[in-house]
């Protein structure tokens, strides 16, 4: 809608300063001609917006001009308050700042949208960590220091614990950004960049050295690419298992083998596995809904575990008599 686009232009110029018509067009995914018409409409509405010609030209707002947030729709106001996650903000030391910002935004909203914001806050609560996260562990010890280094572009010297030998290693990090994934904090740092778990940082020293971020680095885009690469690496050059699944049971990346389902409705599929050890634990969770046909070492491992479990539970009933 044109009204929404006009507000977007106003807010873009307010937050970013001078922008060319081409830049606005790319941001809004419209034509440059449409931007020209929208700018004329803003000027006709009394918005102090000026255009400068030349190589360094572009549109800008009169210095000191600020707009109130009356252009927000009900859905945008709800999304804004839904996006405020108090737990992570508090872990970063931004809890009071977030509360103050939401209070100011709420005060700037017209009464109908203010009611919508209160409605969303009262009906939805975001809890990022999983159920089995260690509640006693709290936030990582080094999180505040890492966040401060991210904000101020300071180089970090850390002792980091990794899973392979040698486990405790010294690393020099240029922290580009922090990511919260399923309740766990990660720092994306150069050179590389590479990804490190904040809770695995054992020791940390913030140096006075200031690093320069790579031109055009986008944390969100990098993380999306990192996730894609992680899943590709996860299944690359892995062994495979052949299993028979009960009706309705599925496995990630499973490839059905030729032939119809058996009389009991079970199907045979081939599925990549990271290792016999991992597959053993994963497949046992499915109980009798899965039968491992191969490889032989995995089938034998599961059979041995099931036999041991049957013996243990068959011979030691809880509260049994003589």
Protein backbone atom coordinates (compact mmCIF):
# COMPACT_ATOMS: atom_id res chain seq x y z
CA UNK A 1 0.00 0.00 0.00
CA UNK A 2 1.16 3.53 -0.78
CA UNK A 3 0.58 4.83 2.76
CA UNK A 4 2.74 2.06 4.21
CA UNK A 5 5.46 2.77 1.63
CA UNK A 6 5.47 6.49 2.47
CA UNK A 7 6.00 5.69 6.14
CA UNK A 8 8.80 3.30 5.18
CA UNK A 9 10.57 6.03 3.19
CA UNK A 10 10.20 8.42 6.10
CA UNK A 11 11.61 5.95 8.61
CA UNK A 12 14.46 4.90 6.30
CA UNK A 13 15.58 8.50 5.89
CA UNK A 14 15.17 9.12 9.60
CA UNK A 15 17.32 6.16 10.59
CA UNK A 16 19.90 6.06 7.77
CA UNK A 17 20.24 9.69 6.75
CA UNK A 18 20.72 10.61 3.09
CA UNK A 19 19.62 7.97 0.55
CA UNK A 20 19.38 8.10 -3.22
CA UNK A 21 16.23 7.27 -5.14
CA UNK A 22 17.91 4.11 -6.42
CA UNK A 23 18.78 3.00 -2.89
CA UNK A 24 15.22 3.61 -1.71
CA UNK A 25 13.85 1.74 -4.73
CA UNK A 26 16.03 -1.30 -3.98
CA UNK A 27 15.07 -1.24 -0.30
CA UNK A 28 11.33 -0.99 -1.02
CA UNK A 29 11.43 -3.23 -4.13
CA UNK A 30 9.73 -0.63 -6.32
CA UNK A 31 10.79 1.40 -9.36
CA UNK A 32 12.75 4.64 -9.13
CA UNK A 33 9.80 6.39 -10.77
CA UNK A 34 7.59 5.23 -7.89
CA UNK A 35 10.07 6.65 -5.39
CA UNK A 36 9.97 10.03 -7.17
CA UNK A 37 6.16 10.10 -6.90
CA UNK A 38 6.26 9.06 -3.22
CA UNK A 39 8.80 11.75 -2.38
CA UNK A 40 6.58 14.36 -4.05
CA UNK A 41 3.65 13.11 -1.98
CA UNK A 42 5.65 13.43 1.23
CA UNK A 43 6.66 16.97 0.33
CA UNK A 44 3.05 17.89 -0.44
CA UNK A 45 2.08 16.54 2.99
CA UNK A 46 4.48 18.96 4.67
CA UNK A 47 7.36 16.61 5.43
CA UNK A 48 10.63 18.66 5.37
CA UNK A 49 12.38 16.44 2.85
CA UNK A 50 15.09 17.74 0.53
CA UNK A 51 16.84 16.38 -2.54
CA UNK A 52 20.49 17.12 -3.32
CA UNK A 53 21.85 16.76 -6.84
CA UNK A 54 25.26 15.47 -7.79
CA UNK A 55 27.39 12.38 -7.17
CA UNK A 56 26.93 12.55 -3.40
CA UNK A 57 23.31 13.66 -3.61
CA UNK A 58 20.14 12.02 -2.44
CA UNK A 59 17.11 12.66 -0.28
CA UNK A 60 17.35 13.67 3.34
CA UNK A 61 15.17 15.05 6.10
CA UNK A 62 15.64 18.46 7.64
CA UNK A 63 18.11 18.17 10.53
CA UNK A 64 16.30 17.54 13.80
CA UNK A 65 13.06 16.34 12.21
CA UNK A 66 11.65 13.24 13.88
CA UNK A 67 8.37 11.46 13.30
CA UNK A 68 6.21 9.73 15.86
CA UNK A 69 5.28 6.11 15.25
CA UNK A 70 1.71 6.81 14.16
CA UNK A 71 2.40 4.99 10.90
CA UNK A 72 2.53 1.58 12.58
CA UNK A 73 -0.20 -0.88 11.72
CA UNK A 74 -1.77 -3.10 14.38
CA UNK A 75 0.19 -6.11 13.10
CA UNK A 76 3.48 -4.18 13.16
CA UNK A 77 2.89 -3.01 16.71
CA UNK A 78 2.10 -6.55 17.83
CA UNK A 79 5.21 -7.93 16.10
CA UNK A 80 7.36 -5.24 17.69
CA UNK A 81 6.32 -6.22 21.21
CA UNK A 82 6.43 -9.93 20.41
CA UNK A 83 10.04 -9.51 19.25
CA UNK A 84 11.19 -8.17 22.62
CA UNK A 85 12.63 -11.28 24.31
CA UNK A 86 13.40 -10.26 27.92
CA UNK A 87 15.60 -13.24 28.81
CA UNK A 88 18.33 -12.79 26.17
CA UNK A 89 18.18 -9.01 26.60
CA UNK A 90 18.78 -9.39 30.31
CA UNK A 91 21.69 -11.78 29.68
CA UNK A 92 23.31 -9.11 27.52
CA UNK A 93 22.74 -6.47 30.18
CA UNK A 94 20.03 -4.80 28.09
CA UNK A 95 16.97 -5.69 30.18
CA UNK A 96 16.36 -2.16 31.53
CA UNK A 97 17.14 -0.66 28.10
CA UNK A 98 14.61 -2.95 26.41
CA UNK A 99 11.95 -2.13 29.01
CA UNK A 100 12.57 1.60 28.59
CA UNK A 101 12.46 1.36 24.79
CA UNK A 102 9.17 -0.56 24.85
CA UNK A 103 7.73 1.99 27.25
CA UNK A 104 8.68 4.85 24.90
CA UNK A 105 7.28 3.04 21.87
CA UNK A 106 4.07 2.31 23.74
CA UNK A 107 3.72 5.97 24.71
CA UNK A 108 4.19 7.01 21.06
CA UNK A 109 1.46 4.69 19.80
CA UNK A 110 -2.10 5.93 19.32
CA UNK A 111 -4.61 4.37 21.76
CA UNK A 112 -5.92 1.61 19.43
CA UNK A 113 -2.41 0.33 18.66
CA UNK A 114 -1.40 0.66 22.30
CA UNK A 115 -4.24 -1.71 23.16
CA UNK A 116 -2.98 -4.15 20.53
CA UNK A 117 0.54 -4.02 22.00
CA UNK A 118 -0.79 -4.70 25.50
CA UNK A 119 -2.87 -7.55 24.10
CA UNK A 120 0.09 -9.29 22.48
CA UNK A 121 2.28 -8.86 25.58
CA UNK A 122 -0.39 -10.43 27.73
CA UNK A 123 -0.99 -13.43 25.48
CA UNK A 124 2.44 -14.49 24.19
CA UNK A 125 5.71 -15.19 25.97
CA UNK A 126 8.86 -16.33 24.17
CA UNK A 127 11.11 -18.80 26.00
CA UNK A 128 14.17 -19.54 23.86
CA UNK A 129 15.92 -22.40 25.77
CA UNK A 130 14.82 -26.01 25.34
CA UNK A 131 13.17 -28.02 28.12
CA UNK A 132 16.34 -29.90 28.95
CA UNK A 133 18.62 -26.88 29.21
CA UNK A 134 20.56 -26.67 32.45
CA UNK A 135 18.59 -24.02 34.34
CA UNK A 136 21.17 -23.95 37.11
CA UNK A 137 23.91 -23.02 34.67
CA UNK A 138 22.38 -19.62 33.90
CA UNK A 139 24.06 -17.39 31.38
CA UNK A 140 27.63 -18.10 30.21
CA UNK A 141 30.22 -16.53 32.51
CA UNK A 142 31.92 -14.66 29.66
CA UNK A 143 28.81 -13.46 27.83
CA UNK A 144 28.82 -9.86 29.09
CA UNK A 145 32.51 -9.41 28.26
CA UNK A 146 32.06 -10.92 24.79
CA UNK A 147 29.04 -8.70 24.12
CA UNK A 148 31.02 -5.63 25.16
CA UNK A 149 33.87 -6.62 22.83
CA UNK A 150 31.39 -7.16 19.98
CA UNK A 151 29.93 -3.71 20.52
CA UNK A 152 33.31 -1.94 20.78
CA UNK A 153 35.21 -3.98 18.13
CA UNK A 154 37.82 -5.17 20.64
CA UNK A 155 40.08 -8.16 20.05
CA UNK A 156 39.69 -11.03 22.53
CA UNK A 157 42.31 -13.48 23.77
CA UNK A 158 40.55 -16.61 25.03
CA UNK A 159 41.18 -20.11 26.29
CA UNK A 160 38.60 -22.22 24.48
CA UNK A 161 37.53 -25.81 25.22
CA UNK A 162 36.81 -27.90 22.15
CA UNK A 163 35.76 -31.53 21.80
CA UNK A 164 38.96 -32.93 20.23
CA UNK A 165 42.54 -33.07 21.51
CA UNK A 166 44.08 -30.82 22.58
CA UNK A 167 40.87 -29.77 24.27
CA UNK A 168 41.95 -26.42 25.78
CA UNK A 169 43.43 -24.07 23.20
CA UNK A 170 44.44 -20.41 23.02
CA UNK A 171 42.64 -18.34 20.40
CA UNK A 172 42.69 -14.73 19.21
CA UNK A 173 39.17 -13.65 18.25
CA UNK A 174 37.80 -10.65 16.42
CA UNK A 175 34.16 -10.89 17.56
CA UNK A 176 31.80 -9.80 14.78
CA UNK A 177 28.52 -10.73 16.44
CA UNK A 178 26.54 -12.89 18.87
CA UNK A 179 23.85 -15.41 17.94
CA UNK A 180 21.33 -17.05 20.28
CA UNK A 181 20.42 -20.51 18.97
CA UNK A 182 18.02 -22.71 20.98
CA UNK A 183 19.03 -21.07 24.25
CA UNK A 184 22.76 -21.27 23.58
CA UNK A 185 24.98 -18.28 22.76
CA UNK A 186 27.53 -18.39 19.92
CA UNK A 187 30.07 -15.77 18.92
CA UNK A 188 30.95 -15.40 15.24
CA UNK A 189 34.54 -14.19 15.10
CA UNK A 190 37.41 -13.64 12.70
CA UNK A 191 39.65 -14.53 11.21
CA UNK A 192 37.53 -16.80 9.08
CA UNK A 193 35.01 -16.09 10.35
CA UNK A 194 34.47 -19.08 12.65
CA UNK A 195 31.83 -19.91 15.26
CA UNK A 196 32.51 -20.52 18.95
CA UNK A 197 30.22 -21.44 21.84
CA UNK A 198 30.38 -18.75 24.49
CA UNK A 199 29.90 -21.25 27.33
CA UNK A 200 33.06 -23.07 26.17
CA UNK A 201 35.23 -19.98 26.71
CA UNK A 202 37.15 -20.78 29.90
CA UNK A 203 39.25 -17.63 30.17
CA UNK A 204 38.97 -14.29 28.45
CA UNK A 205 41.04 -11.13 28.18
CA UNK A 206 39.81 -8.04 26.35
CA UNK A 207 42.70 -6.25 24.66
CA UNK A 208 42.94 -2.59 23.72
CA UNK A 209 43.44 -3.60 20.08
CA UNK A 210 40.58 -2.55 17.82
CA UNK A 211 39.83 -4.68 14.76
CA UNK A 212 38.18 -3.69 11.48
CA UNK A 213 35.11 -5.61 10.39
CA UNK A 214 35.08 -7.06 6.88
CA UNK A 215 33.30 -4.76 4.45
CA UNK A 216 29.75 -5.88 3.86
CA UNK A 217 29.72 -8.53 6.59
CA UNK A 218 26.09 -9.47 7.37
CA UNK A 219 25.68 -11.52 10.53
CA UNK A 220 22.23 -12.83 9.63
CA UNK A 221 23.29 -13.89 6.14
CA UNK A 222 26.48 -15.48 7.47
CA UNK A 223 24.56 -17.49 10.07
CA UNK A 224 22.08 -18.74 7.48
CA UNK A 225 24.96 -19.89 5.27
CA UNK A 226 26.72 -21.44 8.25
CA UNK A 227 23.60 -23.46 9.11
CA UNK A 228 23.29 -24.72 5.53
CA UNK A 229 26.95 -25.70 5.53
CA UNK A 230 26.61 -27.40 8.89
CA UNK A 231 23.83 -29.68 7.66
CA UNK A 232 25.74 -30.44 4.46
CA UNK A 233 28.85 -31.35 6.45
CA UNK A 234 26.76 -33.37 8.86
CA UNK A 235 25.71 -35.84 6.16
CA UNK A 236 28.71 -35.72 3.85
CA UNK A 237 30.73 -38.93 3.47
CA UNK A 238 28.70 -40.74 6.10
CA UNK A 239 27.80 -44.39 6.45
CA UNK A 240 24.29 -45.54 5.73
CA UNK A 241 21.85 -47.78 7.57
CA UNK A 242 19.03 -49.82 6.09
CA UNK A 243 16.01 -49.96 8.36
CA UNK A 244 12.40 -51.11 8.31
CA UNK A 245 9.96 -48.47 9.62
CA UNK A 246 6.46 -48.83 11.04
CA UNK A 247 3.63 -46.99 9.24
CA UNK A 248 3.73 -43.24 9.90
CA UNK A 249 7.36 -43.20 11.13
CA UNK A 250 9.80 -41.00 9.22
CA UNK A 251 13.53 -40.31 9.41
CA UNK A 252 15.42 -37.25 8.08
CA UNK A 253 16.98 -37.79 4.61
CA UNK A 254 15.59 -41.32 4.38
CA UNK A 255 15.44 -42.76 0.85
CA UNK A 256 12.82 -45.48 0.26
CA UNK A 257 14.14 -48.64 -1.39
CA UNK A 258 12.38 -50.28 -4.31
CA UNK A 259 9.38 -52.39 -3.54
CA UNK A 260 6.00 -51.92 -1.86
CA UNK A 261 5.40 -51.91 1.85
CA UNK A 262 5.14 -55.31 3.55
CA UNK A 263 1.89 -56.90 4.76
CA UNK A 264 2.28 -55.10 8.08
CA UNK A 265 2.63 -51.72 6.34
CA UNK A 266 6.32 -51.35 7.15
CA UNK A 267 8.67 -49.83 4.60
CA UNK A 268 12.39 -50.30 4.05
CA UNK A 269 14.51 -47.14 3.72
CA UNK A 270 18.17 -46.22 3.50
CA UNK A 271 19.24 -43.40 5.83
CA UNK A 272 22.64 -41.67 6.34
CA UNK A 273 24.12 -42.01 9.83
CA UNK A 274 26.93 -40.11 11.49
CA UNK A 275 28.31 -43.21 13.19
CA UNK A 276 27.21 -46.52 14.70
CA UNK A 277 27.38 -44.89 18.12
CA UNK A 278 25.03 -42.04 17.19
CA UNK A 279 22.65 -44.25 15.23
CA UNK A 280 22.49 -46.73 18.12
CA UNK A 281 21.22 -44.02 20.47
CA UNK A 282 18.88 -42.44 17.91
CA UNK A 283 17.25 -45.66 16.74
CA UNK A 284 16.71 -47.05 20.25
CA UNK A 285 14.41 -44.11 20.95
CA UNK A 286 12.00 -45.43 18.32
CA UNK A 287 11.56 -48.75 20.12
CA UNK A 288 9.68 -51.34 18.09
CA UNK A 289 8.77 -48.80 15.39
CA UNK A 290 12.12 -49.48 13.73
CA UNK A 291 14.11 -52.59 12.79
CA UNK A 292 17.73 -52.22 11.73
CA UNK A 293 18.65 -54.46 8.81
CA UNK A 294 22.19 -53.18 8.33
CA UNK A 295 25.03 -52.55 8.73
CA UNK A 296 25.64 -55.74 10.74
CA UNK A 297 27.63 -54.01 13.50
CA UNK A 298 24.75 -51.61 14.18
CA UNK A 299 22.16 -54.39 14.22
CA UNK A 300 24.36 -56.45 16.56
CA UNK A 301 24.94 -53.46 18.84
CA UNK A 302 21.21 -52.78 19.19
CA UNK A 303 20.43 -56.48 19.68
CA UNK A 304 23.01 -56.67 22.45
CA UNK A 305 21.56 -53.61 24.20
CA UNK A 306 18.00 -54.95 23.96
CA UNK A 307 19.11 -58.33 25.36
CA UNK A 308 20.86 -56.62 28.28
CA UNK A 309 17.80 -54.50 29.00
CA UNK A 310 15.48 -57.51 28.89
CA UNK A 311 17.71 -59.40 31.29
CA UNK A 312 17.97 -56.50 33.69
CA UNK A 313 14.29 -55.68 33.83
CA UNK A 314 13.16 -59.30 33.68
CA UNK A 315 15.22 -60.41 36.69
CA UNK A 316 14.82 -57.38 38.94
CA UNK A 317 11.14 -56.44 39.29
CA UNK A 318 10.51 -53.37 41.42
CA UNK A 319 9.00 -54.33 44.76
CA UNK A 320 9.15 -58.04 43.89
CA UNK A 321 8.52 -60.75 46.44
CA UNK A 322 10.47 -63.92 47.24
